[in-house]
């Protein structure tokens, strides 16, 4: 109801176009949406309760994209509460209503946090994602260590990249470049050597080399 009352048709059309017409929007700009979310969380006390998967699913099933953004806000504010079993929910969210705006937030934050807290899920689940038929799961695997810095498992990152280096998918090539660029802030010499010694798409090389001398 809070969102519907802030519906703006002109902005909704603009947002829909920006997202290549993949999803309908209500036309609520980010600052206003965040203000509404803050009020909702404060009034309901939701953030003080246990992590609520059903709330996320309910928001994910709604048509307009702003509801998925609110689900992501709730997840980000609940990162410390995430448990191993929540990885299955994250996989579902990656596979449903997939596009870079939601997938990237899921990969680097909740998936990264769960894998850091419960590292056994990497071998049990994320290794499989890196070779999955679904492009968005592969992108998630490549990006889940994005915020790990010196804790990055370099061997695994490079292994994931090599197994996807021949992909013609823009979003895979871009993810490879993004992952290399972020890791180069921690270990530039290693990334430089990796780029020089491996056959990568020009887009991946261009993105990954931005901070490498």
Protein backbone atom coordinates (compact mmCIF):
# COMPACT_ATOMS: atom_id res chain seq x y z
CA UNK A 1 0.00 0.00 0.00
CA UNK A 2 2.86 2.38 0.83
CA UNK A 3 4.46 1.70 -2.52
CA UNK A 4 1.24 1.87 -4.56
CA UNK A 5 0.45 5.34 -3.20
CA UNK A 6 3.80 6.57 -4.53
CA UNK A 7 3.29 5.21 -8.04
CA UNK A 8 4.54 7.57 -10.76
CA UNK A 9 3.83 6.48 -14.32
CA UNK A 10 6.46 8.59 -16.08
CA UNK A 11 9.26 7.41 -13.80
CA UNK A 12 7.98 3.84 -14.03
CA UNK A 13 8.30 3.85 -17.81
CA UNK A 14 11.81 5.31 -17.61
CA UNK A 15 12.92 2.69 -15.09
CA UNK A 16 11.41 -0.11 -17.17
CA UNK A 17 13.31 1.06 -20.25
CA UNK A 18 16.58 1.24 -18.30
CA UNK A 19 16.09 -2.40 -17.33
CA UNK A 20 15.50 -3.35 -20.98
CA UNK A 21 11.76 -3.85 -20.37
CA UNK A 22 12.40 -6.96 -18.28
CA UNK A 23 10.31 -5.81 -15.30
CA UNK A 24 7.45 -3.40 -14.54
CA UNK A 25 8.11 -0.62 -12.04
CA UNK A 26 6.03 1.62 -9.83
CA UNK A 27 8.34 4.53 -10.55
CA UNK A 28 9.60 5.02 -6.99
CA UNK A 29 13.07 6.54 -7.03
CA UNK A 30 15.69 5.09 -4.73
CA UNK A 31 15.73 7.86 -2.04
CA UNK A 32 11.94 7.73 -1.66
CA UNK A 33 11.93 3.93 -1.63
CA UNK A 34 14.58 3.87 1.09
CA UNK A 35 12.59 6.35 3.14
CA UNK A 36 9.48 4.18 2.84
CA UNK A 37 11.50 1.07 3.76
CA UNK A 38 13.00 2.76 6.80
CA UNK A 39 9.55 3.72 8.03
CA UNK A 40 8.24 0.21 7.45
CA UNK A 41 11.11 -1.47 9.31
CA UNK A 42 10.80 0.97 12.21
CA UNK A 43 7.02 0.63 12.55
CA UNK A 44 6.87 -3.15 12.21
CA UNK A 45 10.03 -4.04 14.14
CA UNK A 46 10.77 -6.62 11.44
CA UNK A 47 14.52 -6.20 11.74
CA UNK A 48 14.39 -7.17 15.42
CA UNK A 49 12.73 -10.48 14.58
CA UNK A 50 14.38 -13.70 13.31
CA UNK A 51 15.29 -13.76 9.62
CA UNK A 52 12.03 -14.12 7.67
CA UNK A 53 12.35 -16.10 4.45
CA UNK A 54 8.61 -15.87 3.83
CA UNK A 55 8.74 -12.07 3.75
CA UNK A 56 11.45 -12.23 1.08
CA UNK A 57 9.52 -14.76 -1.01
CA UNK A 58 6.36 -12.66 -0.73
CA UNK A 59 8.21 -9.57 -1.96
CA UNK A 60 9.96 -11.53 -4.71
CA UNK A 61 6.67 -12.80 -6.07
CA UNK A 62 5.22 -9.32 -6.45
CA UNK A 63 5.22 -7.93 -9.95
CA UNK A 64 6.93 -4.55 -9.65
CA UNK A 65 10.70 -4.45 -9.30
CA UNK A 66 10.74 -2.14 -6.28
CA UNK A 67 9.49 -5.03 -4.14
CA UNK A 68 12.55 -7.10 -5.03
CA UNK A 69 14.76 -4.15 -4.13
CA UNK A 70 13.09 -3.98 -0.72
CA UNK A 71 13.71 -7.70 -0.25
CA UNK A 72 17.39 -7.05 -0.95
CA UNK A 73 17.42 -4.19 1.55
CA UNK A 74 15.96 -6.50 4.17
CA UNK A 75 18.55 -9.18 3.37
CA UNK A 76 21.41 -6.68 3.59
CA UNK A 77 20.20 -5.46 6.97
CA UNK A 78 19.98 -9.10 8.14
CA UNK A 79 23.37 -10.40 6.99
CA UNK A 80 24.49 -11.33 10.52
CA UNK A 81 21.42 -13.55 10.92
CA UNK A 82 22.01 -15.65 7.81
CA UNK A 83 22.54 -19.37 8.29
CA UNK A 84 23.82 -22.13 6.05
CA UNK A 85 20.32 -23.19 5.02
CA UNK A 86 19.59 -19.69 3.70
CA UNK A 87 21.89 -20.35 0.74
CA UNK A 88 19.10 -22.34 -0.91
CA UNK A 89 16.88 -19.27 -0.76
CA UNK A 90 19.63 -17.15 -2.32
CA UNK A 91 19.91 -19.66 -5.15
CA UNK A 92 16.17 -19.41 -5.72
CA UNK A 93 16.36 -15.61 -5.83
CA UNK A 94 19.20 -15.75 -8.34
CA UNK A 95 17.18 -18.06 -10.58
CA UNK A 96 13.89 -16.16 -10.34
CA UNK A 97 13.43 -12.74 -11.96
CA UNK A 98 17.11 -12.81 -12.86
CA UNK A 99 18.93 -9.69 -13.93
CA UNK A 100 22.18 -7.99 -12.90
CA UNK A 101 20.52 -5.57 -10.47
CA UNK A 102 19.39 -8.32 -8.10
CA UNK A 103 21.94 -11.04 -8.88
CA UNK A 104 24.95 -8.84 -8.12
CA UNK A 105 23.56 -7.75 -4.75
CA UNK A 106 22.89 -11.38 -3.82
CA UNK A 107 26.30 -12.63 -4.96
CA UNK A 108 28.54 -10.15 -3.17
CA UNK A 109 26.54 -9.76 0.04
CA UNK A 110 24.40 -12.67 1.32
CA UNK A 111 26.13 -15.43 -0.67
CA UNK A 112 29.54 -14.01 0.21
CA UNK A 113 28.57 -13.73 3.88
CA UNK A 114 27.15 -17.26 4.10
CA UNK A 115 30.23 -18.71 2.39
CA UNK A 116 32.50 -16.82 4.77
CA UNK A 117 30.60 -18.04 7.82
CA UNK A 118 30.03 -21.59 6.56
CA UNK A 119 32.93 -22.26 4.14
CA UNK A 120 31.85 -25.86 3.53
CA UNK A 121 29.06 -24.53 1.26
CA UNK A 122 31.68 -23.45 -1.26
CA UNK A 123 32.66 -27.01 -2.11
CA UNK A 124 29.16 -28.36 -1.51
CA UNK A 125 27.28 -25.82 -3.64
CA UNK A 126 29.13 -22.84 -5.10
CA UNK A 127 31.71 -24.95 -6.96
CA UNK A 128 28.76 -26.44 -8.84
CA UNK A 129 27.36 -23.01 -9.63
CA UNK A 130 30.62 -22.07 -11.36
CA UNK A 131 29.89 -24.69 -14.03
CA UNK A 132 26.10 -24.53 -14.00
CA UNK A 133 24.01 -24.26 -17.16
CA UNK A 134 22.43 -21.13 -15.72
CA UNK A 135 24.48 -18.03 -16.52
CA UNK A 136 23.35 -16.13 -13.42
CA UNK A 137 24.55 -18.86 -11.06
CA UNK A 138 27.90 -18.83 -12.83
CA UNK A 139 28.08 -15.06 -12.43
CA UNK A 140 27.21 -15.44 -8.74
CA UNK A 141 30.03 -17.94 -8.25
CA UNK A 142 32.55 -15.64 -9.94
CA UNK A 143 31.46 -12.66 -7.82
CA UNK A 144 30.82 -14.16 -4.37
CA UNK A 145 34.36 -13.31 -3.17
CA UNK A 146 34.12 -9.74 -4.43
CA UNK A 147 34.49 -8.22 -0.95
CA UNK A 148 36.96 -10.77 0.45
CA UNK A 149 40.14 -8.78 -0.34
CA UNK A 150 43.10 -10.58 1.30
CA UNK A 151 40.79 -13.45 2.30
CA UNK A 152 40.15 -14.27 -1.37
CA UNK A 153 40.74 -17.88 -2.30
CA UNK A 154 42.88 -17.01 -5.32
CA UNK A 155 43.13 -20.53 -6.67
CA UNK A 156 39.36 -20.93 -6.64
CA UNK A 157 38.72 -17.51 -8.16
CA UNK A 158 41.12 -18.21 -11.02
CA UNK A 159 39.70 -21.71 -11.49
CA UNK A 160 36.17 -20.32 -11.82
CA UNK A 161 37.38 -17.71 -14.28
CA UNK A 162 39.26 -20.23 -16.43
CA UNK A 163 36.22 -22.50 -16.60
CA UNK A 164 34.15 -19.56 -17.89
CA UNK A 165 36.77 -17.73 -19.95
CA UNK A 166 35.41 -18.97 -23.29
CA UNK A 167 31.87 -17.76 -22.55
CA UNK A 168 30.38 -15.38 -25.10
CA UNK A 169 27.89 -14.07 -22.52
CA UNK A 170 28.38 -10.37 -21.81
CA UNK A 171 27.43 -10.79 -18.15
CA UNK A 172 30.00 -13.56 -17.65
CA UNK A 173 32.78 -11.63 -19.38
CA UNK A 174 31.89 -8.55 -17.33
CA UNK A 175 31.83 -10.54 -14.08
CA UNK A 176 35.28 -11.95 -14.79
CA UNK A 177 36.63 -8.46 -15.37
CA UNK A 178 34.92 -7.10 -12.26
CA UNK A 179 36.23 -9.90 -10.05
CA UNK A 180 39.78 -9.44 -11.37
CA UNK A 181 39.58 -5.67 -10.95
CA UNK A 182 38.51 -5.95 -7.33
CA UNK A 183 41.14 -8.56 -6.50
CA UNK A 184 43.81 -6.45 -8.22
CA UNK A 185 43.33 -3.86 -5.45
CA UNK A 186 44.68 -6.52 -3.08
CA UNK A 187 47.15 -8.42 -5.28
CA UNK A 188 47.89 -6.48 -8.50
CA UNK A 189 50.95 -8.53 -9.49
CA UNK A 190 49.00 -11.79 -9.31
CA UNK A 191 46.14 -10.41 -11.39
CA UNK A 192 48.55 -8.96 -13.95
CA UNK A 193 50.28 -12.32 -14.29
CA UNK A 194 46.95 -14.15 -14.55
CA UNK A 195 45.71 -11.84 -17.31
CA UNK A 196 48.98 -12.20 -19.22
CA UNK A 197 49.03 -15.97 -18.99
CA UNK A 198 45.39 -16.74 -19.79
CA UNK A 199 43.16 -16.27 -22.79
CA UNK A 200 40.37 -13.94 -21.69
CA UNK A 201 37.73 -11.97 -23.57
CA UNK A 202 38.80 -8.39 -24.42
CA UNK A 203 36.03 -7.05 -22.16
CA UNK A 204 37.32 -9.11 -19.22
CA UNK A 205 40.90 -7.93 -19.84
CA UNK A 206 39.85 -4.31 -20.14
CA UNK A 207 37.80 -4.39 -16.94
CA UNK A 208 40.31 -6.48 -15.01
CA UNK A 209 43.30 -4.32 -15.93
CA UNK A 210 41.96 -0.97 -14.74
CA UNK A 211 44.10 -0.88 -11.58
CA UNK A 212 47.02 -2.92 -12.88
CA UNK A 213 50.14 -1.08 -14.07
